[in-house]
Each structure stands twice: as C-alpha cells, then as structure tokens.
Amino acid sequence: MEKNKKQEVKLEIQIEDDVANGQYINLAVVNHNDSEFVIDCIYVQPQAPKARVQSRLILSPRHAKRLLLALQNNIETYEKRFGRIELLGPGLEASEHKPIH
C-alpha cells in the first residue's frame, strides 16, 4: 500500500435556521492587507442616507481566490442556462466589466 495515500475526510456542514434564511445585500465593499481580505456585505435602502453592514467575511488570500474562482464558475454556469448578466447602471455600459466596489 502507498504510504502517502491520503484518507478521505467527510465534512458534515451544519447551518442554523437564522443563517439559512440568509441576508439580502446589494453592495459589497472589499478591502485587503497583506494577510487577509475583508468583504463587508451591506444592504442599502433606496433614498436612505445610511446603510448597515449585514455581515463581514474575513478570508485568507488563498480562500479569497478560491471564492473568486467559485463565483466565476457559478456565474458561467448561470449564464449558460439563463443568459448573460448585464451590468447596467450609472456610468456602466453593458459591455464593460467593472467591479462595483
């Protein structure tokens, strides 16, 4: 038998009901330093002068890149099934792919 053969670990993921309900966000602010990325997930109400951070995600650079790749993969799958997602709004042309923040 091979000594370096890794044993498969089964991960059981649990989720609390209030977390499973999710939080709607329409703005994400991303910051980083040399050791971590911070994503603040925010819901901005129309015409409201203030917004509250609903959740904050803190990731290592490697996990941030894994999240980016997972989102890219899921968006590609979504667009194949439902059509292209257009980024329209003030200052954005349909053909431009600029991050919001």
Protein backbone atom coordinates (compact mmCIF):
# COMPACT_ATOMS: atom_id res chain seq x y z
CA MET A 1 0.00 0.00 0.00
CA GLU A 2 1.06 3.54 -0.68
CA LYS A 3 2.24 5.39 2.44
CA ASN A 4 1.38 8.86 1.09
CA LYS A 5 -2.22 7.95 0.26
CA LYS A 6 -4.46 10.50 1.97
CA GLN A 7 -7.50 9.29 3.83
CA GLU A 8 -10.72 10.95 2.65
CA VAL A 9 -12.32 13.08 5.34
CA LYS A 10 -16.09 13.55 5.23
CA LEU A 11 -17.12 17.02 6.34
CA GLU A 12 -20.54 17.49 7.87
CA ILE A 13 -21.72 21.07 7.46
CA GLN A 14 -24.45 22.34 9.75
CA ILE A 15 -26.36 25.60 9.45
CA GLU A 16 -28.52 27.41 11.97
CA ASP A 17 -32.04 28.39 10.83
CA ASP A 18 -31.39 32.14 11.07
CA VAL A 19 -28.24 31.78 8.96
CA ALA A 20 -30.05 29.52 6.46
CA ASN A 21 -32.60 32.31 5.86
CA GLY A 22 -29.76 34.48 4.55
CA GLN A 23 -29.26 38.23 4.36
CA TYR A 24 -30.09 40.24 1.24
CA ILE A 25 -27.30 42.58 0.20
CA ASN A 26 -26.95 44.95 -2.73
CA LEU A 27 -23.49 46.32 -2.01
CA ALA A 28 -20.19 44.69 -1.11
CA VAL A 29 -17.11 46.61 -0.05
CA VAL A 30 -13.83 44.72 -0.32
CA ASN A 31 -10.62 45.70 1.47
CA HIS A 32 -7.38 43.83 1.99
CA ASN A 33 -3.97 43.90 3.57
CA ASP A 34 -1.03 41.52 3.18
CA SER A 35 -2.67 38.72 5.16
CA GLU A 36 -6.43 38.92 4.68
CA PHE A 37 -9.36 40.11 2.59
CA VAL A 38 -12.39 41.66 4.27
CA ILE A 39 -15.75 41.71 2.50
CA ASP A 40 -18.45 43.86 4.09
CA CYS A 41 -21.90 42.80 2.87
CA ILE A 42 -24.31 45.74 3.02
CA TYR A 43 -27.98 46.40 2.30
CA VAL A 44 -28.60 49.94 1.09
CA GLN A 45 -32.23 51.06 1.16
CA PRO A 46 -33.28 53.37 -1.66
CA GLN A 47 -33.06 57.04 -0.68
CA ALA A 48 -31.65 56.20 2.77
CA PRO A 49 -28.64 58.26 3.93
CA LYS A 50 -27.20 55.34 5.94
CA ALA A 51 -26.59 51.66 5.35
CA ARG A 52 -25.69 48.87 7.75
CA VAL A 53 -23.20 46.07 7.30
CA GLN A 54 -25.23 42.85 7.43
CA SER A 55 -22.25 40.52 7.51
CA ARG A 56 -18.46 40.69 7.36
CA LEU A 57 -16.41 37.96 5.74
CA ILE A 58 -12.71 37.70 6.60
CA LEU A 59 -10.70 35.45 4.30
CA SER A 60 -7.09 34.49 3.77
CA PRO A 61 -5.74 35.46 0.33
CA ARG A 62 -5.95 31.81 -0.79
CA HIS A 63 -9.56 31.49 0.31
CA ALA A 64 -10.40 34.82 -1.35
CA LYS A 65 -9.05 33.48 -4.63
CA ARG A 66 -10.97 30.21 -4.16
CA LEU A 67 -14.14 32.27 -3.61
CA LEU A 68 -13.41 34.27 -6.78
CA LEU A 69 -12.99 31.06 -8.80
CA ALA A 70 -16.14 29.53 -7.32
CA LEU A 71 -18.15 32.67 -8.18
CA GLN A 72 -16.71 32.76 -11.71
CA ASN A 73 -17.64 29.12 -12.23
CA ASN A 74 -21.15 29.62 -10.90
CA ILE A 75 -21.74 32.76 -12.97
CA GLU A 76 -20.59 30.96 -16.12
CA THR A 77 -22.99 28.10 -15.35
CA TYR A 78 -25.82 30.56 -14.62
CA GLU A 79 -25.24 32.50 -17.87
CA LYS A 80 -25.20 29.31 -19.93
CA ARG A 81 -28.60 28.41 -18.51
CA PHE A 82 -30.32 31.80 -18.14
CA GLY A 83 -28.40 34.19 -20.39
CA ARG A 84 -25.83 36.90 -19.92
CA ILE A 85 -25.96 39.06 -16.80
CA GLU A 86 -25.69 42.67 -17.93
CA LEU A 87 -24.02 45.23 -15.68
CA LEU A 88 -26.09 48.33 -16.26
CA GLY A 89 -26.25 51.43 -14.15
CA PRO A 90 -24.85 54.93 -13.77
CA GLY A 91 -21.50 55.11 -15.55
CA LEU A 92 -21.58 51.48 -16.71
CA GLU A 93 -22.00 50.36 -20.27
CA ALA A 94 -23.40 46.91 -20.93
CA SER A 95 -20.11 45.74 -22.44
CA GLU A 96 -17.91 46.92 -19.56
CA HIS A 97 -17.00 44.55 -16.76
CA LYS A 98 -16.06 46.83 -13.91
CA PRO A 99 -16.42 45.82 -10.27
CA ILE A 100 -18.94 47.90 -8.34
CA HIS A 101 -16.55 48.25 -5.36
